[in-house]
């Protein structure tokens, strides 16, 4: 699994959430509305199956949020979750 921390500007935060929620490869989605400062925006945390991470990252980049927001990627060594196993 890969953990993503996304800082999404208000203009595309809901599109990013919709994209993540629609993917069966994404689990443990957390949305913190207005929590980010510098840059301002929503913080979205989630875990993504490694096999589909490049697709999810590409979809997020298509939204352009990395221009005025950010996407941070961390490798997860161990995840104890039935949902993560299914993803």
Protein backbone atom coordinates (compact mmCIF):
# COMPACT_ATOMS: atom_id res chain seq x y z
CA UNK A 1 0.00 0.00 0.00
CA UNK A 2 0.95 3.60 -0.58
CA UNK A 3 -0.22 6.44 1.65
CA UNK A 4 -1.12 9.74 0.00
CA UNK A 5 -1.39 13.13 1.65
CA UNK A 6 -3.06 15.52 -0.74
CA UNK A 7 -3.44 19.25 -0.20
CA UNK A 8 -6.20 20.14 -2.60
CA UNK A 9 -7.23 23.72 -3.34
CA UNK A 10 -10.91 24.41 -2.92
CA UNK A 11 -11.46 24.52 -6.72
CA UNK A 12 -10.72 20.79 -7.10
CA UNK A 13 -10.95 19.19 -3.65
CA UNK A 14 -14.35 17.62 -4.28
CA UNK A 15 -13.26 16.31 -7.68
CA UNK A 16 -10.24 14.69 -6.03
CA UNK A 17 -12.47 13.13 -3.37
CA UNK A 18 -14.90 11.82 -5.98
CA UNK A 19 -12.02 10.31 -7.94
CA UNK A 20 -10.58 8.58 -4.86
CA UNK A 21 -13.95 7.34 -3.62
CA UNK A 22 -14.77 5.83 -7.02
CA UNK A 23 -11.65 3.65 -7.09
CA UNK A 24 -11.76 0.18 -5.51
CA UNK A 25 -7.97 0.48 -5.06
CA UNK A 26 -8.34 3.37 -2.57
CA UNK A 27 -9.23 2.89 1.10
CA UNK A 28 -9.07 4.76 4.41
CA UNK A 29 -10.08 8.10 2.90
CA UNK A 30 -9.98 11.01 5.35
CA UNK A 31 -11.14 14.50 4.35
CA UNK A 32 -10.14 17.48 6.48
CA UNK A 33 -11.98 20.47 5.05
CA UNK A 34 -9.95 23.69 5.13
CA UNK A 35 -7.22 22.16 7.31
CA UNK A 36 -4.22 23.06 5.15
CA UNK A 37 -2.31 26.31 5.30
CA UNK A 38 0.47 27.28 2.91
CA UNK A 39 -0.98 26.34 0.54
CA UNK A 40 -4.56 26.77 1.68
CA UNK A 41 -6.94 23.94 0.95
CA UNK A 42 -8.40 20.67 2.09
CA UNK A 43 -6.24 17.82 3.34
CA UNK A 44 -7.11 14.40 1.93
CA UNK A 45 -5.43 11.30 3.30
CA UNK A 46 -5.84 7.85 1.80
CA UNK A 47 -4.17 4.52 1.14
CA UNK A 48 -3.82 3.16 -2.39
CA UNK A 49 -2.95 -0.33 -3.63
CA UNK A 50 0.55 -0.19 -5.11
CA UNK A 51 -0.65 -1.80 -8.33
CA UNK A 52 -2.96 1.13 -9.08
CA UNK A 53 -0.97 3.97 -7.53
CA UNK A 54 0.35 5.29 -10.85
CA UNK A 55 -3.18 5.47 -12.26
CA UNK A 56 -4.51 7.31 -9.20
CA UNK A 57 -1.55 9.71 -9.20
CA UNK A 58 -2.05 10.38 -12.90
CA UNK A 59 -5.74 11.10 -12.35
CA UNK A 60 -4.94 13.52 -9.50
CA UNK A 61 -2.33 15.27 -11.66
CA UNK A 62 -4.92 15.69 -14.43
CA UNK A 63 -6.90 17.83 -11.98
CA UNK A 64 -3.88 20.14 -11.82
CA UNK A 65 -3.98 20.24 -8.04
CA UNK A 66 -0.21 19.77 -7.80
CA UNK A 67 0.25 23.27 -9.26
CA UNK A 68 -1.37 25.08 -6.33
CA UNK A 69 -1.61 22.18 -3.88
CA UNK A 70 0.54 19.10 -3.31
CA UNK A 71 0.66 15.33 -3.36
CA UNK A 72 2.96 13.51 -0.90
CA UNK A 73 3.62 9.79 -1.21
CA UNK A 74 4.73 7.39 1.52
CA UNK A 75 5.26 3.64 1.35
CA UNK A 76 3.34 1.57 3.90
CA UNK A 77 5.26 -1.45 5.14
CA UNK A 78 2.33 -3.10 6.90
CA UNK A 79 -1.41 -2.47 6.81
CA UNK A 80 -3.73 -4.57 8.94
CA UNK A 81 -7.12 -4.12 7.33
CA UNK A 82 -9.55 -6.31 5.42
CA UNK A 83 -10.39 -3.31 3.23
CA UNK A 84 -6.71 -2.79 2.42
CA UNK A 85 -6.34 -6.46 1.54
CA UNK A 86 -9.30 -6.25 -0.86
CA UNK A 87 -7.88 -3.11 -2.51
